[in-house]
Amino acid sequence: MDRVHRITQAYSQAPWRKQMQAVGLFLLVLVFVALIAGIYLSVTARAATTGRQVLLMQDDIERMKRENADLVTQLADLKASTRMKDRATALGFEPVQKGQATYLVVPGYVRPEGVTLAPPPAPVTAVAASLPPDFTQSLVEWVQQQALPAALDLLEARP
């Protein structure tokens, strides 16, 4: 009790301690708010930077898609039959007339068969008809089948 009295007396003799506590508490709250604001700004800045990078990458993807489409168009133009014929004529090639072509017979050559990507479709058979009755029984039927004899045994056991 004496100790509490001394502390109370010390505070009453030095009112600046109460003011220092209030200032300290205010500064602590101010530092905490500044810390939270700094974290918020950091996270927001990172999110904005990442969002901008995503937008730039999407622009790059769109630009590359357009370039690919242009290249496909140029390739189709170069492979057009009229262009190919003009280029072949410019290189000195001439169309082959009937009877000018010479075909070679290569002994032992076996012509490759067509590629089979999937087996031919098989007839559909009903699988449910071949299942045993244990697997076609519903949950409700199974519970009735299991619970009914147990309930009858309990009723018969009571006098």
N, C-alpha and C. Protein backbone atom coordinates (compact mmCIF):
# COMPACT_ATOMS: atom_id res chain seq x y z
N MET A 1 0.83 -1.19 0.00
CA MET A 1 0.00 0.00 0.00
C MET A 1 0.87 1.25 0.00
N ASP A 2 1.94 1.17 0.73
CA ASP A 2 2.86 2.29 0.82
C ASP A 2 3.49 2.57 -0.55
N ARG A 3 3.76 1.53 -1.24
CA ARG A 3 4.36 1.66 -2.58
C ARG A 3 3.42 2.38 -3.54
N VAL A 4 2.15 2.02 -3.52
CA VAL A 4 1.16 2.66 -4.38
C VAL A 4 1.06 4.14 -4.02
N HIS A 5 1.14 4.45 -2.75
CA HIS A 5 1.06 5.84 -2.31
C HIS A 5 2.25 6.63 -2.85
N ARG A 6 3.45 6.05 -2.85
CA ARG A 6 4.64 6.73 -3.36
C ARG A 6 4.53 6.99 -4.86
N ILE A 7 4.02 6.01 -5.61
CA ILE A 7 3.88 6.17 -7.05
C ILE A 7 2.87 7.27 -7.36
N THR A 8 1.78 7.27 -6.63
CA THR A 8 0.75 8.30 -6.82
C THR A 8 1.32 9.67 -6.49
N GLN A 9 2.07 9.77 -5.43
CA GLN A 9 2.68 11.04 -5.04
C GLN A 9 3.68 11.51 -6.09
N ALA A 10 4.46 10.55 -6.67
CA ALA A 10 5.45 10.93 -7.68
C ALA A 10 4.75 11.47 -8.92
N TYR A 11 3.65 10.89 -9.29
CA TYR A 11 2.92 11.38 -10.46
C TYR A 11 2.29 12.75 -10.20
N SER A 12 1.82 12.93 -9.01
CA SER A 12 1.20 14.22 -8.72
C SER A 12 2.24 15.33 -8.64
N GLN A 13 3.46 15.00 -8.23
CA GLN A 13 4.52 16.00 -8.15
C GLN A 13 5.12 16.31 -9.53
N ALA A 14 5.02 15.35 -10.47
CA ALA A 14 5.59 15.56 -11.81
C ALA A 14 4.51 15.34 -12.86
N PRO A 15 3.68 16.35 -13.17
CA PRO A 15 2.60 16.18 -14.14
C PRO A 15 3.11 15.98 -15.57
N TRP A 16 4.35 16.32 -15.83
CA TRP A 16 4.91 16.13 -17.17
C TRP A 16 4.96 14.66 -17.53
N ARG A 17 4.98 13.74 -16.53
CA ARG A 17 4.99 12.30 -16.83
C ARG A 17 3.70 11.88 -17.53
N LYS A 18 2.58 12.40 -17.10
CA LYS A 18 1.30 12.09 -17.75
C LYS A 18 1.31 12.61 -19.18
N GLN A 19 1.86 13.82 -19.35
CA GLN A 19 1.94 14.39 -20.69
C GLN A 19 2.85 13.55 -21.58
N MET A 20 3.96 13.08 -21.01
CA MET A 20 4.89 12.23 -21.78
C MET A 20 4.22 10.91 -22.16
N GLN A 21 3.41 10.37 -21.27
CA GLN A 21 2.68 9.14 -21.61
C GLN A 21 1.71 9.40 -22.76
N ALA A 22 1.01 10.49 -22.72
CA ALA A 22 0.06 10.82 -23.79
C ALA A 22 0.80 11.03 -25.11
N VAL A 23 1.93 11.78 -25.05
CA VAL A 23 2.71 12.01 -26.27
C VAL A 23 3.28 10.70 -26.79
N GLY A 24 3.77 9.86 -25.89
CA GLY A 24 4.32 8.57 -26.29
C GLY A 24 3.26 7.68 -26.94
N LEU A 25 2.08 7.67 -26.34
CA LEU A 25 0.98 6.87 -26.91
C LEU A 25 0.59 7.41 -28.28
N PHE A 26 0.53 8.74 -28.42
CA PHE A 26 0.21 9.34 -29.72
C PHE A 26 1.26 8.98 -30.76
N LEU A 27 2.54 9.07 -30.38
CA LEU A 27 3.62 8.73 -31.32
C LEU A 27 3.59 7.25 -31.68
N LEU A 28 3.27 6.39 -30.74
CA LEU A 28 3.17 4.96 -31.01
C LEU A 28 2.06 4.69 -32.03
N VAL A 29 0.91 5.30 -31.84
CA VAL A 29 -0.20 5.14 -32.78
C VAL A 29 0.19 5.70 -34.14
N LEU A 30 0.88 6.86 -34.14
CA LEU A 30 1.31 7.47 -35.39
C LEU A 30 2.28 6.57 -36.15
N VAL A 31 3.23 5.97 -35.45
CA VAL A 31 4.19 5.05 -36.08
C VAL A 31 3.46 3.82 -36.61
N PHE A 32 2.52 3.30 -35.85
CA PHE A 32 1.76 2.13 -36.29
C PHE A 32 0.96 2.44 -37.56
N VAL A 33 0.30 3.60 -37.60
CA VAL A 33 -0.47 3.99 -38.78
C VAL A 33 0.46 4.19 -39.98
N ALA A 34 1.63 4.80 -39.74
CA ALA A 34 2.60 5.00 -40.83
C ALA A 34 3.11 3.66 -41.35
N LEU A 35 3.33 2.73 -40.44
CA LEU A 35 3.78 1.39 -40.85
C LEU A 35 2.72 0.69 -41.70
N ILE A 36 1.48 0.74 -41.29
CA ILE A 36 0.39 0.12 -42.05
C ILE A 36 0.25 0.81 -43.41
N ALA A 37 0.35 2.14 -43.43
CA ALA A 37 0.24 2.87 -44.70
C ALA A 37 1.40 2.52 -45.63
N GLY A 38 2.60 2.36 -45.07
CA GLY A 38 3.75 1.97 -45.89
C GLY A 38 3.58 0.59 -46.49
N ILE A 39 3.09 -0.34 -45.69
CA ILE A 39 2.86 -1.70 -46.20
C ILE A 39 1.79 -1.67 -47.29
N TYR A 40 0.72 -0.92 -47.06
CA TYR A 40 -0.35 -0.81 -48.05
C TYR A 40 0.17 -0.22 -49.36
N LEU A 41 0.98 0.85 -49.26
CA LEU A 41 1.52 1.46 -50.48
C LEU A 41 2.47 0.51 -51.20
N SER A 42 3.25 -0.24 -50.44
CA SER A 42 4.17 -1.20 -51.05
C SER A 42 3.41 -2.28 -51.82
N VAL A 43 2.38 -2.83 -51.19
CA VAL A 43 1.59 -3.88 -51.85
C VAL A 43 0.87 -3.32 -53.07
N THR A 44 0.32 -2.11 -52.93
CA THR A 44 -0.38 -1.49 -54.06
C THR A 44 0.57 -1.21 -55.21
N ALA A 45 1.77 -0.75 -54.90
CA ALA A 45 2.75 -0.47 -55.96
C ALA A 45 3.16 -1.76 -56.67
N ARG A 46 3.36 -2.82 -55.91
CA ARG A 46 3.71 -4.11 -56.53
C ARG A 46 2.58 -4.61 -57.42
N ALA A 47 1.35 -4.48 -56.94
CA ALA A 47 0.21 -4.93 -57.74
C ALA A 47 0.09 -4.11 -59.02
N ALA A 48 0.30 -2.80 -58.91
CA ALA A 48 0.22 -1.95 -60.11
C ALA A 48 1.33 -2.30 -61.09
N THR A 49 2.54 -2.54 -60.58
CA THR A 49 3.66 -2.90 -61.46
C THR A 49 3.39 -4.24 -62.15
N THR A 50 2.91 -5.20 -61.38
CA THR A 50 2.61 -6.51 -61.96
C THR A 50 1.49 -6.41 -62.99
N GLY A 51 0.46 -5.62 -62.70
CA GLY A 51 -0.62 -5.42 -63.65
C GLY A 51 -0.13 -4.80 -64.94
N ARG A 52 0.76 -3.83 -64.82
CA ARG A 52 1.32 -3.19 -66.02
C ARG A 52 2.15 -4.17 -66.83
N GLN A 53 2.92 -5.03 -66.15
CA GLN A 53 3.70 -6.04 -66.85
C GLN A 53 2.79 -7.03 -67.58
N VAL A 54 1.68 -7.39 -66.95
CA VAL A 54 0.73 -8.30 -67.59
C VAL A 54 0.15 -7.65 -68.85
N LEU A 55 -0.20 -6.36 -68.76
CA LEU A 55 -0.73 -5.67 -69.93
C LEU A 55 0.29 -5.61 -71.06
N LEU A 56 1.55 -5.35 -70.70
CA LEU A 56 2.60 -5.31 -71.73
C LEU A 56 2.78 -6.68 -72.38
N MET A 57 2.73 -7.72 -71.57
CA MET A 57 2.87 -9.07 -72.13
C MET A 57 1.69 -9.42 -73.02
N GLN A 58 0.49 -9.01 -72.63
CA GLN A 58 -0.68 -9.26 -73.48
C GLN A 58 -0.54 -8.51 -74.81
N ASP A 59 -0.02 -7.30 -74.76
CA ASP A 59 0.22 -6.55 -76.01
C ASP A 59 1.23 -7.29 -76.88
N ASP A 60 2.29 -7.82 -76.26
CA ASP A 60 3.29 -8.59 -77.01
C ASP A 60 2.66 -9.82 -77.65
N ILE A 61 1.80 -10.49 -76.91
CA ILE A 61 1.14 -11.69 -77.44
C ILE A 61 0.28 -11.33 -78.65
N GLU A 62 -0.48 -10.25 -78.53
CA GLU A 62 -1.33 -9.82 -79.65
C GLU A 62 -0.48 -9.44 -80.87
N ARG A 63 0.62 -8.73 -80.63
CA ARG A 63 1.51 -8.34 -81.73
C ARG A 63 2.08 -9.57 -82.41
N MET A 64 2.52 -10.55 -81.61
CA MET A 64 3.08 -11.77 -82.19
C MET A 64 2.03 -12.58 -82.95
N LYS A 65 0.80 -12.58 -82.45
CA LYS A 65 -0.28 -13.27 -83.18
C LYS A 65 -0.51 -12.63 -84.54
N ARG A 66 -0.48 -11.28 -84.56
CA ARG A 66 -0.64 -10.58 -85.84
C ARG A 66 0.52 -10.89 -86.79
N GLU A 67 1.75 -10.91 -86.25
CA GLU A 67 2.91 -11.23 -87.08
C GLU A 67 2.80 -12.65 -87.63
N ASN A 68 2.36 -13.60 -86.79
CA ASN A 68 2.19 -14.98 -87.26
C ASN A 68 1.13 -15.05 -88.36
N ALA A 69 0.03 -14.32 -88.18
CA ALA A 69 -1.01 -14.32 -89.21
C ALA A 69 -0.47 -13.73 -90.51
N ASP A 70 0.34 -12.67 -90.40
CA ASP A 70 0.94 -12.08 -91.61
C ASP A 70 1.87 -13.08 -92.30
N LEU A 71 2.67 -13.79 -91.51
CA LEU A 71 3.58 -14.77 -92.09
C LEU A 71 2.83 -15.93 -92.75
N VAL A 72 1.73 -16.36 -92.12
CA VAL A 72 0.93 -17.43 -92.72
C VAL A 72 0.33 -16.95 -94.04
N THR A 73 -0.10 -15.70 -94.08
CA THR A 73 -0.65 -15.14 -95.32
C THR A 73 0.42 -15.06 -96.41
N GLN A 74 1.62 -14.62 -96.03
CA GLN A 74 2.71 -14.54 -97.01
C GLN A 74 3.07 -15.93 -97.53
N LEU A 75 3.10 -16.93 -96.62
CA LEU A 75 3.41 -18.29 -97.04
C LEU A 75 2.34 -18.82 -97.99
N ALA A 76 1.08 -18.56 -97.69
CA ALA A 76 0.00 -19.00 -98.57
C ALA A 76 0.12 -18.34 -99.94
N ASP A 77 0.52 -17.06 -99.95
CA ASP A 77 0.70 -16.36 -101.22
C ASP A 77 1.85 -16.98 -102.01
N LEU A 78 2.94 -17.31 -101.34
CA LEU A 78 4.08 -17.91 -102.03
C LEU A 78 3.79 -19.33 -102.52
N LYS A 79 2.90 -20.03 -101.83
CA LYS A 79 2.59 -21.41 -102.22
C LYS A 79 1.43 -21.49 -103.22
N ALA A 80 0.88 -20.37 -103.59
CA ALA A 80 -0.23 -20.38 -104.56
C ALA A 80 0.26 -21.00 -105.87
N SER A 81 -0.62 -21.74 -106.53
CA SER A 81 -0.22 -22.47 -107.73
C SER A 81 0.26 -21.54 -108.85
N THR A 82 -0.36 -20.40 -109.00
CA THR A 82 0.07 -19.47 -110.07
C THR A 82 1.47 -18.93 -109.78
N ARG A 83 1.74 -18.59 -108.53
CA ARG A 83 3.07 -18.10 -108.17
C ARG A 83 4.12 -19.19 -108.34
N MET A 84 3.77 -20.43 -107.92
CA MET A 84 4.72 -21.54 -108.05
C MET A 84 5.03 -21.79 -109.53
N LYS A 85 4.01 -21.72 -110.37
CA LYS A 85 4.20 -21.95 -111.82
C LYS A 85 5.09 -20.87 -112.40
N ASP A 86 4.84 -19.60 -112.04
CA ASP A 86 5.66 -18.49 -112.53
C ASP A 86 7.12 -18.64 -112.09
N ARG A 87 7.34 -19.04 -110.83
CA ARG A 87 8.71 -19.21 -110.34
C ARG A 87 9.40 -20.38 -111.03
N ALA A 88 8.66 -21.47 -111.25
CA ALA A 88 9.25 -22.62 -111.93
C ALA A 88 9.63 -22.26 -113.37
N THR A 89 8.78 -21.50 -114.04
CA THR A 89 9.07 -21.08 -115.41
C THR A 89 10.29 -20.16 -115.43
N ALA A 90 10.40 -19.28 -114.43
CA ALA A 90 11.54 -18.37 -114.36
C ALA A 90 12.83 -19.14 -114.11
N LEU A 91 12.76 -20.27 -113.43
CA LEU A 91 13.95 -21.09 -113.17
C LEU A 91 14.27 -22.03 -114.33
N GLY A 92 13.44 -22.04 -115.37
CA GLY A 92 13.72 -22.85 -116.55
C GLY A 92 12.99 -24.17 -116.59
N PHE A 93 12.08 -24.41 -115.69
CA PHE A 93 11.31 -25.65 -115.72
C PHE A 93 10.16 -25.51 -116.70
N GLU A 94 9.77 -26.65 -117.28
CA GLU A 94 8.65 -26.66 -118.21
C GLU A 94 7.66 -27.73 -117.76
N PRO A 95 6.39 -27.55 -118.10
CA PRO A 95 5.42 -28.59 -117.74
C PRO A 95 5.74 -29.90 -118.48
N VAL A 96 5.52 -31.02 -117.81
CA VAL A 96 5.79 -32.33 -118.41
C VAL A 96 4.61 -32.70 -119.31
N GLN A 97 4.96 -33.12 -120.52
CA GLN A 97 3.93 -33.56 -121.47
C GLN A 97 3.71 -35.05 -121.26
N LYS A 98 2.59 -35.51 -121.74
CA LYS A 98 2.27 -36.93 -121.65
C LYS A 98 3.33 -37.73 -122.39
N GLY A 99 3.86 -38.74 -121.77
CA GLY A 99 4.87 -39.58 -122.39
C GLY A 99 6.29 -39.13 -122.08
N GLN A 100 6.50 -37.94 -121.53
CA GLN A 100 7.84 -37.48 -121.21
C GLN A 100 8.31 -37.98 -119.84
N ALA A 101 7.41 -38.29 -118.96
CA ALA A 101 7.77 -38.71 -117.61
C ALA A 101 8.27 -40.14 -117.62
N THR A 102 9.32 -40.37 -116.89
CA THR A 102 9.89 -41.71 -116.77
C THR A 102 9.69 -42.17 -115.32
N TYR A 103 9.07 -43.31 -115.15
CA TYR A 103 8.83 -43.85 -113.83
C TYR A 103 9.81 -44.99 -113.58
N LEU A 104 10.38 -45.03 -112.40
CA LEU A 104 11.32 -46.08 -112.05
C LEU A 104 10.63 -47.10 -111.16
N VAL A 105 10.90 -48.37 -111.42
CA VAL A 105 10.39 -49.44 -110.58
C VAL A 105 11.53 -49.86 -109.66
N VAL A 106 11.30 -49.74 -108.37
CA VAL A 106 12.33 -50.08 -107.39
C VAL A 106 11.99 -51.46 -106.83
N PRO A 107 12.87 -52.44 -107.03
CA PRO A 107 12.58 -53.78 -106.52
C PRO A 107 12.63 -53.79 -104.98
N GLY A 108 11.68 -54.47 -104.37
CA GLY A 108 11.61 -54.60 -102.91
C GLY A 108 10.89 -53.45 -102.23
N TYR A 109 10.51 -52.45 -102.98
CA TYR A 109 9.79 -51.32 -102.37
C TYR A 109 8.37 -51.75 -102.06
N VAL A 110 7.97 -51.52 -100.82
CA VAL A 110 6.60 -51.84 -100.40
C VAL A 110 5.90 -50.51 -100.12
N ARG A 111 4.79 -50.34 -100.78
CA ARG A 111 4.03 -49.11 -100.62
C ARG A 111 3.49 -49.05 -99.18
N PRO A 112 3.67 -47.94 -98.49
CA PRO A 112 3.19 -47.87 -97.11
C PRO A 112 1.67 -47.90 -97.06
N GLU A 113 1.19 -48.56 -96.00
CA GLU A 113 -0.26 -48.63 -95.81
C GLU A 113 -0.75 -47.33 -95.19
N GLY A 114 -2.03 -47.13 -95.27
CA GLY A 114 -2.62 -45.94 -94.68
C GLY A 114 -2.47 -45.97 -93.16
N VAL A 115 -2.44 -44.84 -92.56
CA VAL A 115 -2.27 -44.72 -91.12
C VAL A 115 -3.62 -44.95 -90.45
N THR A 116 -3.63 -45.84 -89.45
CA THR A 116 -4.84 -46.09 -88.67
C THR A 116 -4.67 -45.39 -87.34
N LEU A 117 -5.49 -44.41 -87.10
CA LEU A 117 -5.38 -43.62 -85.88
C LEU A 117 -6.16 -44.21 -84.72
N ALA A 118 -7.24 -44.91 -84.99
CA ALA A 118 -8.05 -45.49 -83.94
C ALA A 118 -8.61 -46.82 -84.42
N PRO A 119 -8.87 -47.73 -83.50
CA PRO A 119 -9.46 -48.99 -83.94
C PRO A 119 -10.89 -48.75 -84.42
N PRO A 120 -11.38 -49.64 -85.26
CA PRO A 120 -12.75 -49.44 -85.74
C PRO A 120 -13.73 -49.56 -84.58
N PRO A 121 -14.84 -48.86 -84.68
CA PRO A 121 -15.80 -48.89 -83.57
C PRO A 121 -16.39 -50.29 -83.39
N ALA A 122 -16.46 -50.70 -82.15
CA ALA A 122 -17.01 -52.02 -81.82
C ALA A 122 -18.48 -51.86 -81.45
N PRO A 123 -19.26 -52.91 -81.59
CA PRO A 123 -20.67 -52.80 -81.19
C PRO A 123 -20.79 -52.58 -79.69
N VAL A 124 -21.77 -51.79 -79.31
CA VAL A 124 -21.98 -51.46 -77.90
C VAL A 124 -22.78 -52.58 -77.26
N THR A 125 -22.28 -53.08 -76.13
CA THR A 125 -23.00 -54.12 -75.40
C THR A 125 -23.50 -53.54 -74.09
N ALA A 126 -24.62 -54.04 -73.63
CA ALA A 126 -25.21 -53.57 -72.38
C ALA A 126 -24.47 -54.23 -71.22
N VAL A 127 -23.78 -53.43 -70.43
CA VAL A 127 -22.99 -53.95 -69.32
C VAL A 127 -23.86 -54.14 -68.09
N ALA A 128 -24.87 -53.32 -67.91
CA ALA A 128 -25.70 -53.38 -66.70
C ALA A 128 -26.45 -54.71 -66.62
N ALA A 129 -26.78 -55.32 -67.76
CA ALA A 129 -27.51 -56.57 -67.72
C ALA A 129 -26.65 -57.71 -67.19
N SER A 130 -25.33 -57.61 -67.31
CA SER A 130 -24.48 -58.70 -66.88
C SER A 130 -23.96 -58.51 -65.46
N LEU A 131 -24.36 -57.43 -64.77
CA LEU A 131 -23.89 -57.20 -63.41
C LEU A 131 -24.67 -58.08 -62.43
N PRO A 132 -24.01 -58.55 -61.38
CA PRO A 132 -24.73 -59.31 -60.36
C PRO A 132 -25.71 -58.41 -59.62
N PRO A 133 -26.74 -58.99 -59.04
CA PRO A 133 -27.78 -58.18 -58.38
C PRO A 133 -27.24 -57.36 -57.20
N ASP A 134 -26.13 -57.77 -56.60
CA ASP A 134 -25.58 -57.00 -55.49
C ASP A 134 -25.17 -55.60 -55.94
N PHE A 135 -24.76 -55.45 -57.20
CA PHE A 135 -24.29 -54.17 -57.70
C PHE A 135 -25.40 -53.35 -58.35
N THR A 136 -26.57 -53.88 -58.50
CA THR A 136 -27.69 -53.13 -59.08
C THR A 136 -28.67 -52.70 -58.00
N GLN A 137 -28.40 -53.03 -56.77
CA GLN A 137 -29.29 -52.72 -55.65
C GLN A 137 -29.04 -51.28 -55.19
N SER A 138 -30.10 -50.54 -54.90
CA SER A 138 -29.95 -49.17 -54.43
C SER A 138 -29.60 -49.18 -52.94
N LEU A 139 -29.16 -48.03 -52.45
CA LEU A 139 -28.79 -47.91 -51.05
C LEU A 139 -30.00 -48.11 -50.15
N VAL A 140 -31.13 -47.57 -50.57
CA VAL A 140 -32.36 -47.71 -49.76
C VAL A 140 -32.76 -49.19 -49.67
N GLU A 141 -32.71 -49.91 -50.78
CA GLU A 141 -33.05 -51.33 -50.76
C GLU A 141 -32.10 -52.11 -49.86
N TRP A 142 -30.80 -51.76 -49.91
CA TRP A 142 -29.81 -52.47 -49.08
C TRP A 142 -30.07 -52.23 -47.60
N VAL A 143 -30.40 -50.95 -47.22
CA VAL A 143 -30.68 -50.64 -45.82
C VAL A 143 -31.93 -51.37 -45.37
N GLN A 144 -32.97 -51.43 -46.22
CA GLN A 144 -34.18 -52.15 -45.86
C GLN A 144 -33.88 -53.63 -45.66
N GLN A 145 -33.07 -54.17 -46.54
CA GLN A 145 -32.74 -55.59 -46.46
C GLN A 145 -31.93 -55.89 -45.19
N GLN A 146 -31.06 -54.99 -44.78
CA GLN A 146 -30.22 -55.21 -43.61
C GLN A 146 -30.95 -54.86 -42.31
N ALA A 147 -31.73 -53.77 -42.32
CA ALA A 147 -32.35 -53.28 -41.09
C ALA A 147 -33.63 -54.01 -40.74
N LEU A 148 -34.40 -54.48 -41.71
CA LEU A 148 -35.68 -55.13 -41.43
C LEU A 148 -35.51 -56.40 -40.60
N PRO A 149 -34.61 -57.33 -40.96
CA PRO A 149 -34.46 -58.51 -40.11
C PRO A 149 -33.97 -58.17 -38.71
N ALA A 150 -33.11 -57.17 -38.57
CA ALA A 150 -32.62 -56.79 -37.25
C ALA A 150 -33.75 -56.21 -36.42
N ALA A 151 -34.61 -55.41 -37.02
CA ALA A 151 -35.73 -54.83 -36.28
C ALA A 151 -36.72 -55.91 -35.87
N LEU A 152 -36.96 -56.90 -36.75
CA LEU A 152 -37.87 -58.00 -36.40
C LEU A 152 -37.30 -58.84 -35.27
N ASP A 153 -35.98 -59.05 -35.26
CA ASP A 153 -35.34 -59.81 -34.17
C ASP A 153 -35.51 -59.08 -32.84
N LEU A 154 -35.40 -57.74 -32.87
CA LEU A 154 -35.56 -56.97 -31.64
C LEU A 154 -36.99 -57.04 -31.13
N LEU A 155 -37.96 -57.00 -32.04
CA LEU A 155 -39.37 -57.06 -31.63
C LEU A 155 -39.72 -58.44 -31.07
N GLU A 156 -39.16 -59.50 -31.63
CA GLU A 156 -39.44 -60.84 -31.14
C GLU A 156 -38.76 -61.09 -29.80
N ALA A 157 -37.65 -60.42 -29.54
CA ALA A 157 -36.92 -60.65 -28.28
C ALA A 157 -37.61 -60.00 -27.11
N ARG A 158 -38.43 -58.99 -27.31
CA ARG A 158 -39.13 -58.33 -26.19
C ARG A 158 -40.36 -59.16 -25.80
N PRO A 159 -40.63 -59.25 -24.49
CA PRO A 159 -41.82 -60.01 -24.05
C PRO A 159 -43.10 -59.25 -24.19
